[in-house]
């Protein structure tokens, strides 16, 4: 696995699988989103407080490369890094690895921005600080 600034472990639940017995493709986005939220919370970024202050963090683009499927009962780890995509956009580089063999299951890139009270992209200190941390060694 690559070095990540944040990881989160999960276990596939039966109801997340489709008729083929594999995790439904839309569920992977939920795994990625939950990891992003937990990462932000772990770094003191509070969605509710930002929203109360008129700042909304939103996803503007998501790309997922499906490599191998997860199945019911699989345990896996989501790794996350964050970097600048432009002056007002940031991107999360996220990968899912099955455990314990560390096989890559998906590779994802999720691009987001912060919108101010007028709905315009804006730079916020909370996200700027996160991009300075870089991957851990």
Foldseek 3Di string as FASTA:
>chain_A
DDFFPDKDKDAAAQVQDDPVQFGDPVVVVVVVVVRVVVVLVVLVNDQVVCVVQQKHKDWDDKDKDFDATDGHGWMKMKGWAKADPDPFKIKIWIWIATPDVRHTGMTMIIMIGMAGNVRHGDDDPSVVVRNVVGGDD
